[in-house]
Amino acid sequence: MNDFKEAWLIDLDGTLYKPKLVKIAMGAELVLLGAHRVSLLRAFRKSHEELREESRRNPTVQFLPNPFEEQVRRTAASTRTTEDHVRKVVLEWMVVRPGKWLAQCKREKLLDRIETFRTKGGKTALVSDYPARSKLTALGAADLFDVIVASGEHPRLKRLKPCPDGYLLAAQKLGVTASECLVIGDRNDADGEAARAAGMDFELVS
């Protein structure tokens, strides 16, 4: 289980909660209350994967002021709306509204493992390609992490996974080396690649 590691660096979306039921619930909510937002949200997700692929192709690329705001800028341009409008819609439908479903879909066993690991002296960090604090609060898991490194929230995070930056920043803030870290995530092509690039062990959640 790699429980002997000094620190666990953990992804959020799809890792701390089961995403399928959340997606179904949010899909139904969009149909009923936000159908006019669907095209914008799809464009935002598309820009996220574009940034991820650019990070993969070019290891020196940086998105300023941060990847989240770059997604907002690109989405506003592609949908011919304002950045303020994109930011408002994305935060409402991808960060705030899903909160009520997260607690019902959280991975109880993983959260219990994290809590047990901490009681034994382990250090923990949350590393996310999206804003994370609101979702952690909704999950009731904010107190399980010593450090949060999330796109749009951490000033030094300029690239997305599979670049290792987020995990390396988290390790630095925790005061541990890469070899002392276990990365836990739900995507081998993002979390796993980033962990390996950082020289860290990886555990896939499925």
C-alpha atoms as a PDB file:
ATOM      1  CA  MET A   1       0.000   0.000   0.000  1.00  0.00           C
ATOM      2  CA  ASN A   2       3.055   2.287   0.218  1.00  0.00           C
ATOM      3  CA  ASP A   3       1.843   3.398   3.661  1.00  0.00           C
ATOM      4  CA  PHE A   4       5.488   3.645   4.718  1.00  0.00           C
ATOM      5  CA  LYS A   5       6.003   6.752   2.570  1.00  0.00           C
ATOM      6  CA  GLU A   6       6.621  10.024   4.358  1.00  0.00           C
ATOM      7  CA  ALA A   7       4.024  11.939   2.340  1.00  0.00           C
ATOM      8  CA  TRP A   8       0.953  11.308   0.193  1.00  0.00           C
ATOM      9  CA  LEU A   9       0.181  13.732  -2.635  1.00  0.00           C
ATOM     10  CA  ILE A  10      -3.405  13.257  -3.706  1.00  0.00           C
ATOM     11  CA  ASP A  11      -5.518  14.330  -6.680  1.00  0.00           C
ATOM     12  CA  LEU A  12      -9.073  15.558  -6.093  1.00  0.00           C
ATOM     13  CA  ASP A  13     -11.519  15.121  -8.982  1.00  0.00           C
ATOM     14  CA  GLY A  14     -12.266  11.465  -9.601  1.00  0.00           C
ATOM     15  CA  THR A  15      -9.948  10.452  -6.773  1.00  0.00           C
ATOM     16  CA  LEU A  16     -11.553  11.641  -3.539  1.00  0.00           C
ATOM     17  CA  TYR A  17     -15.041  10.996  -4.898  1.00  0.00           C
ATOM     18  CA  LYS A  18     -16.655   8.633  -7.397  1.00  0.00           C
ATOM     19  CA  PRO A  19     -17.159  10.772 -10.500  1.00  0.00           C
ATOM     20  CA  LYS A  20     -19.812   8.780 -12.360  1.00  0.00           C
ATOM     21  CA  LEU A  21     -22.729   9.609 -10.074  1.00  0.00           C
ATOM     22  CA  VAL A  22     -21.653  13.239  -9.776  1.00  0.00           C
ATOM     23  CA  LYS A  23     -21.546  13.554 -13.578  1.00  0.00           C
ATOM     24  CA  ILE A  24     -25.009  12.002 -13.894  1.00  0.00           C
ATOM     25  CA  ALA A  25     -26.462  14.322 -11.242  1.00  0.00           C
ATOM     26  CA  MET A  26     -24.827  17.408 -12.717  1.00  0.00           C
ATOM     27  CA  GLY A  27     -25.888  16.387 -16.225  1.00  0.00           C
ATOM     28  CA  ALA A  28     -29.507  16.244 -15.081  1.00  0.00           C
ATOM     29  CA  GLU A  29     -29.168  19.574 -13.316  1.00  0.00           C
ATOM     30  CA  LEU A  30     -27.714  21.154 -16.442  1.00  0.00           C
ATOM     31  CA  VAL A  31     -30.590  19.884 -18.571  1.00  0.00           C
ATOM     32  CA  LEU A  32     -33.162  21.288 -16.127  1.00  0.00           C
ATOM     33  CA  LEU A  33     -31.526  24.547 -15.076  1.00  0.00           C
ATOM     34  CA  GLY A  34     -28.528  25.315 -17.216  1.00  0.00           C
ATOM     35  CA  ALA A  35     -28.923  23.928 -20.723  1.00  0.00           C
ATOM     36  CA  HIS A  36     -27.786  27.274 -22.143  1.00  0.00           C
ATOM     37  CA  ARG A  37     -24.467  26.799 -20.311  1.00  0.00           C
ATOM     38  CA  VAL A  38     -23.573  23.448 -21.882  1.00  0.00           C
ATOM     39  CA  SER A  39     -21.645  24.750 -24.892  1.00  0.00           C
ATOM     40  CA  LEU A  40     -19.548  27.066 -22.729  1.00  0.00           C
ATOM     41  CA  LEU A  41     -18.690  24.309 -20.251  1.00  0.00           C
ATOM     42  CA  ARG A  42     -17.766  21.959 -23.084  1.00  0.00           C
ATOM     43  CA  ALA A  43     -15.474  24.631 -24.513  1.00  0.00           C
ATOM     44  CA  PHE A  44     -13.866  25.081 -21.103  1.00  0.00           C
ATOM     45  CA  ARG A  45     -13.206  21.337 -20.746  1.00  0.00           C
ATOM     46  CA  LYS A  46     -11.826  21.246 -24.287  1.00  0.00           C
ATOM     47  CA  SER A  47      -9.410  24.059 -23.441  1.00  0.00           C
ATOM     48  CA  HIS A  48      -8.316  22.099 -20.365  1.00  0.00           C
ATOM     49  CA  GLU A  49      -7.318  19.106 -22.467  1.00  0.00           C
ATOM     50  CA  GLU A  50      -5.592  21.427 -24.942  1.00  0.00           C
ATOM     51  CA  LEU A  51      -3.489  22.894 -22.142  1.00  0.00           C
ATOM     52  CA  ARG A  52      -2.727  19.405 -20.857  1.00  0.00           C
ATOM     53  CA  GLU A  53      -1.550  18.301 -24.301  1.00  0.00           C
ATOM     54  CA  GLU A  54       0.529  21.441 -24.743  1.00  0.00           C
ATOM     55  CA  SER A  55       2.142  20.756 -21.370  1.00  0.00           C
ATOM     56  CA  ARG A  56       2.931  17.235 -22.548  1.00  0.00           C
ATOM     57  CA  ARG A  57       4.454  18.360 -25.853  1.00  0.00           C
ATOM     58  CA  ASN A  58       6.425  21.305 -24.532  1.00  0.00           C
ATOM     59  CA  PRO A  59       7.997  20.825 -21.085  1.00  0.00           C
ATOM     60  CA  THR A  60       8.955  24.510 -20.899  1.00  0.00           C
ATOM     61  CA  VAL A  61       5.504  25.990 -21.570  1.00  0.00           C
ATOM     62  CA  GLN A  62       3.924  28.121 -18.851  1.00  0.00           C
ATOM     63  CA  PHE A  63       0.384  29.485 -18.648  1.00  0.00           C
ATOM     64  CA  LEU A  64       0.179  32.927 -17.080  1.00  0.00           C
ATOM     65  CA  PRO A  65      -1.039  33.984 -14.649  1.00  0.00           C
ATOM     66  CA  ASN A  66      -2.094  30.341 -14.152  1.00  0.00           C
ATOM     67  CA  PRO A  67      -3.646  27.484 -16.167  1.00  0.00           C
ATOM     68  CA  PHE A  68      -7.162  28.136 -14.875  1.00  0.00           C
ATOM     69  CA  GLU A  69      -7.145  31.732 -16.058  1.00  0.00           C
ATOM     70  CA  GLU A  70      -5.666  30.683 -19.407  1.00  0.00           C
ATOM     71  CA  GLN A  71      -8.605  28.299 -19.842  1.00  0.00           C
ATOM     72  CA  VAL A  72     -10.967  31.153 -19.015  1.00  0.00           C
ATOM     73  CA  ARG A  73      -9.270  33.371 -21.621  1.00  0.00           C
ATOM     74  CA  ARG A  74      -9.384  30.737 -24.363  1.00  0.00           C
ATOM     75  CA  THR A  75     -12.981  29.818 -23.613  1.00  0.00           C
ATOM     76  CA  ALA A  76     -14.064  33.445 -23.714  1.00  0.00           C
ATOM     77  CA  ALA A  77     -12.382  33.849 -27.104  1.00  0.00           C
ATOM     78  CA  SER A  78     -13.859  30.669 -28.593  1.00  0.00           C
ATOM     79  CA  THR A  79     -17.398  31.357 -27.333  1.00  0.00           C
ATOM     80  CA  ARG A  80     -17.262  35.106 -28.003  1.00  0.00           C
ATOM     81  CA  THR A  81     -18.140  36.141 -24.484  1.00  0.00           C
ATOM     82  CA  THR A  82     -16.329  37.870 -21.639  1.00  0.00           C
ATOM     83  CA  GLU A  83     -13.789  36.326 -19.303  1.00  0.00           C
ATOM     84  CA  ASP A  84     -15.861  37.441 -16.307  1.00  0.00           C
ATOM     85  CA  HIS A  85     -18.867  35.565 -17.683  1.00  0.00           C
ATOM     86  CA  VAL A  86     -16.849  32.401 -18.326  1.00  0.00           C
ATOM     87  CA  ARG A  87     -15.304  32.529 -14.858  1.00  0.00           C
ATOM     88  CA  LYS A  88     -18.701  32.978 -13.207  1.00  0.00           C
ATOM     89  CA  VAL A  89     -20.322  30.100 -15.106  1.00  0.00           C
ATOM     90  CA  VAL A  90     -17.397  27.723 -14.594  1.00  0.00           C
ATOM     91  CA  LEU A  91     -17.140  28.397 -10.865  1.00  0.00           C
ATOM     92  CA  GLU A  92     -20.889  27.984 -10.447  1.00  0.00           C
ATOM     93  CA  TRP A  93     -21.306  24.783 -12.474  1.00  0.00           C
ATOM     94  CA  MET A  94     -17.945  23.054 -11.988  1.00  0.00           C
ATOM     95  CA  VAL A  95     -16.993  24.090  -8.462  1.00  0.00           C
ATOM     96  CA  VAL A  96     -19.964  25.274  -6.379  1.00  0.00           C
ATOM     97  CA  ARG A  97     -23.013  23.356  -7.635  1.00  0.00           C
ATOM     98  CA  PRO A  98     -21.317  19.906  -7.640  1.00  0.00           C
ATOM     99  CA  GLY A  99     -20.573  20.385  -3.943  1.00  0.00           C
ATOM    100  CA  LYS A 100     -23.921  19.086  -2.768  1.00  0.00           C
ATOM    101  CA  TRP A 101     -23.300  15.784  -4.575  1.00  0.00           C
ATOM    102  CA  LEU A 102     -19.686  15.252  -3.545  1.00  0.00           C
ATOM    103  CA  ALA A 103     -20.403  14.281   0.056  1.00  0.00           C
ATOM    104  CA  GLN A 104     -22.774  11.578  -1.181  1.00  0.00           C
ATOM    105  CA  CYS A 105     -20.170  10.170  -3.589  1.00  0.00           C
ATOM    106  CA  LYS A 106     -16.944  10.473  -1.617  1.00  0.00           C
ATOM    107  CA  ARG A 107     -14.551   7.528  -1.426  1.00  0.00           C
ATOM    108  CA  GLU A 108     -14.967   6.745   2.264  1.00  0.00           C
ATOM    109  CA  LYS A 109     -12.257   4.084   2.388  1.00  0.00           C
ATOM    110  CA  LEU A 110      -9.643   6.337   0.810  1.00  0.00           C
ATOM    111  CA  LEU A 111     -10.542   9.237   3.086  1.00  0.00           C
ATOM    112  CA  ASP A 112     -10.305   6.921   6.081  1.00  0.00           C
ATOM    113  CA  ARG A 113      -6.876   5.749   4.878  1.00  0.00           C
ATOM    114  CA  ILE A 114      -5.715   9.338   4.595  1.00  0.00           C
ATOM    115  CA  GLU A 115      -6.934  10.129   8.095  1.00  0.00           C
ATOM    116  CA  THR A 116      -5.208   7.040   9.509  1.00  0.00           C
ATOM    117  CA  PHE A 117      -2.011   7.924   7.651  1.00  0.00           C
ATOM    118  CA  ARG A 118      -2.058  11.383   9.212  1.00  0.00           C
ATOM    119  CA  THR A 119      -2.604  10.056  12.716  1.00  0.00           C
ATOM    120  CA  LYS A 120       0.571   8.014  12.251  1.00  0.00           C
ATOM    121  CA  GLY A 121       2.538  11.135  11.390  1.00  0.00           C
ATOM    122  CA  GLY A 122       2.214  11.112   7.609  1.00  0.00           C
ATOM    123  CA  LYS A 123       2.163  14.373   5.650  1.00  0.00           C
ATOM    124  CA  THR A 124      -0.484  15.066   3.019  1.00  0.00           C
ATOM    125  CA  ALA A 125      -1.013  17.443   0.115  1.00  0.00           C
ATOM    126  CA  LEU A 126      -3.872  17.946  -2.333  1.00  0.00           C
ATOM    127  CA  VAL A 127      -2.710  18.585  -5.912  1.00  0.00           C
ATOM    128  CA  SER A 128      -5.391  19.569  -8.440  1.00  0.00           C
ATOM    129  CA  ASP A 129      -5.624  21.024 -11.947  1.00  0.00           C
ATOM    130  CA  TYR A 130      -8.781  22.877 -10.863  1.00  0.00           C
ATOM    131  CA  PRO A 131      -9.674  25.149  -7.912  1.00  0.00           C
ATOM    132  CA  ALA A 132      -9.986  22.792  -4.958  1.00  0.00           C
ATOM    133  CA  ARG A 133     -10.820  24.472  -1.660  1.00  0.00           C
ATOM    134  CA  SER A 134     -14.587  24.700  -2.164  1.00  0.00           C
ATOM    135  CA  LYS A 135     -14.825  21.035  -3.149  1.00  0.00           C
ATOM    136  CA  LEU A 136     -12.686  19.940  -0.206  1.00  0.00           C
ATOM    137  CA  THR A 137     -15.037  21.788   2.112  1.00  0.00           C
ATOM    138  CA  ALA A 138     -18.040  20.114   0.481  1.00  0.00           C
ATOM    139  CA  LEU A 139     -16.369  16.731   0.988  1.00  0.00           C
ATOM    140  CA  GLY A 140     -15.636  17.552   4.623  1.00  0.00           C
ATOM    141  CA  ALA A 141     -11.993  16.801   3.855  1.00  0.00           C
ATOM    142  CA  ALA A 142     -10.279  20.189   4.132  1.00  0.00           C
ATOM    143  CA  ASP A 143      -8.634  19.238   7.431  1.00  0.00           C
ATOM    144  CA  LEU A 144      -7.018  16.140   5.894  1.00  0.00           C
ATOM    145  CA  PHE A 145      -4.393  18.131   3.982  1.00  0.00           C
ATOM    146  CA  ASP A 146      -1.382  20.079   5.175  1.00  0.00           C
ATOM    147  CA  VAL A 147      -0.859  21.713   1.768  1.00  0.00           C
ATOM    148  CA  ILE A 148      -3.108  22.538  -1.195  1.00  0.00           C
ATOM    149  CA  VAL A 149      -1.588  23.108  -4.641  1.00  0.00           C
ATOM    150  CA  ALA A 150      -4.397  23.845  -7.104  1.00  0.00           C
ATOM    151  CA  SER A 151      -4.620  25.639 -10.441  1.00  0.00           C
ATOM    152  CA  GLY A 152      -6.075  29.105  -9.941  1.00  0.00           C
ATOM    153  CA  GLU A 153      -5.252  29.032  -6.235  1.00  0.00           C
ATOM    154  CA  HIS A 154      -1.492  28.454  -5.932  1.00  0.00           C
ATOM    155  CA  PRO A 155       0.528  31.377  -7.378  1.00  0.00           C
ATOM    156  CA  ARG A 156       3.481  29.235  -8.474  1.00  0.00           C
ATOM    157  CA  LEU A 157       1.540  26.596 -10.406  1.00  0.00           C
ATOM    158  CA  LYS A 158       1.869  27.485 -14.108  1.00  0.00           C
ATOM    159  CA  ARG A 159       1.381  24.101 -15.822  1.00  0.00           C
ATOM    160  CA  LEU A 160      -1.019  21.181 -15.712  1.00  0.00           C
ATOM    161  CA  LYS A 161      -0.378  17.482 -15.214  1.00  0.00           C
ATOM    162  CA  PRO A 162       1.331  15.472 -16.661  1.00  0.00           C
ATOM    163  CA  CYS A 163       3.962  18.120 -15.874  1.00  0.00           C
ATOM    164  CA  PRO A 164       5.295  17.286 -12.407  1.00  0.00           C
ATOM    165  CA  ASP A 165       5.241  20.878 -11.128  1.00  0.00           C
ATOM    166  CA  GLY A 166       2.258  20.527  -8.788  1.00  0.00           C
ATOM    167  CA  TYR A 167       3.645  17.446  -7.083  1.00  0.00           C
ATOM    168  CA  LEU A 168       7.137  18.926  -6.829  1.00  0.00           C
ATOM    169  CA  LEU A 169       5.727  22.123  -5.320  1.00  0.00           C
ATOM    170  CA  ALA A 170       3.718  20.095  -2.817  1.00  0.00           C
ATOM    171  CA  ALA A 171       6.755  18.037  -1.807  1.00  0.00           C
ATOM    172  CA  GLN A 172       8.788  21.212  -1.374  1.00  0.00           C
ATOM    173  CA  LYS A 173       6.141  22.793   0.848  1.00  0.00           C
ATOM    174  CA  LEU A 174       5.910  19.586   2.916  1.00  0.00           C
ATOM    175  CA  GLY A 175       9.686  19.465   3.275  1.00  0.00           C
ATOM    176  CA  VAL A 176      10.115  15.991   1.767  1.00  0.00           C
ATOM    177  CA  THR A 177      12.025  14.527  -1.169  1.00  0.00           C
ATOM    178  CA  ALA A 178      10.409  12.986  -4.240  1.00  0.00           C
ATOM    179  CA  SER A 179      11.447   9.482  -3.190  1.00  0.00           C
ATOM    180  CA  GLU A 180       9.518   9.938   0.056  1.00  0.00           C
ATOM    181  CA  CYS A 181       6.237  10.674  -1.765  1.00  0.00           C
ATOM    182  CA  LEU A 182       3.333   8.555  -2.980  1.00  0.00           C
ATOM    183  CA  VAL A 183       1.010  10.105  -5.546  1.00  0.00           C
ATOM    184  CA  ILE A 184      -2.607   8.877  -5.491  1.00  0.00           C
ATOM    185  CA  GLY A 185      -4.805   9.686  -8.486  1.00  0.00           C
ATOM    186  CA  ASP A 186      -7.407   8.369 -10.916  1.00  0.00           C
ATOM    187  CA  ARG A 187      -5.664   9.061 -14.259  1.00  0.00           C
ATOM    188  CA  ASN A 188      -2.518   7.240 -15.250  1.00  0.00           C
ATOM    189  CA  ASP A 189      -2.075   9.589 -18.220  1.00  0.00           C
ATOM    190  CA  ALA A 190      -2.120  12.655 -15.966  1.00  0.00           C
ATOM    191  CA  ASP A 191      -1.425  11.855 -12.301  1.00  0.00           C
ATOM    192  CA  GLY A 192       0.657   8.796 -13.132  1.00  0.00           C
ATOM    193  CA  GLU A 193       2.787  10.507 -15.760  1.00  0.00           C
ATOM    194  CA  ALA A 194       3.316  13.497 -13.494  1.00  0.00           C
ATOM    195  CA  ALA A 195       4.331  11.263 -10.601  1.00  0.00           C
ATOM    196  CA  ARG A 196       6.834   9.356 -12.701  1.00  0.00           C
ATOM    197  CA  ALA A 197       8.261  12.603 -14.103  1.00  0.00           C
ATOM    198  CA  ALA A 198       8.711  13.816 -10.526  1.00  0.00           C
ATOM    199  CA  GLY A 199      10.414  10.571  -9.462  1.00  0.00           C
ATOM    200  CA  MET A 200       7.543   9.544  -7.184  1.00  0.00           C
ATOM    201  CA  ASP A 201       5.616   6.309  -6.711  1.00  0.00           C
ATOM    202  CA  PHE A 202       2.040   6.196  -7.999  1.00  0.00           C
ATOM    203  CA  GLU A 203      -1.151   4.461  -6.887  1.00  0.00           C
ATOM    204  CA  LEU A 204      -4.087   4.363  -9.316  1.00  0.00           C
ATOM    205  CA  VAL A 205      -7.595   4.768  -7.913  1.00  0.00           C
ATOM    206  CA  SER A 206     -10.357   3.158  -9.960  1.00  0.00           C
END
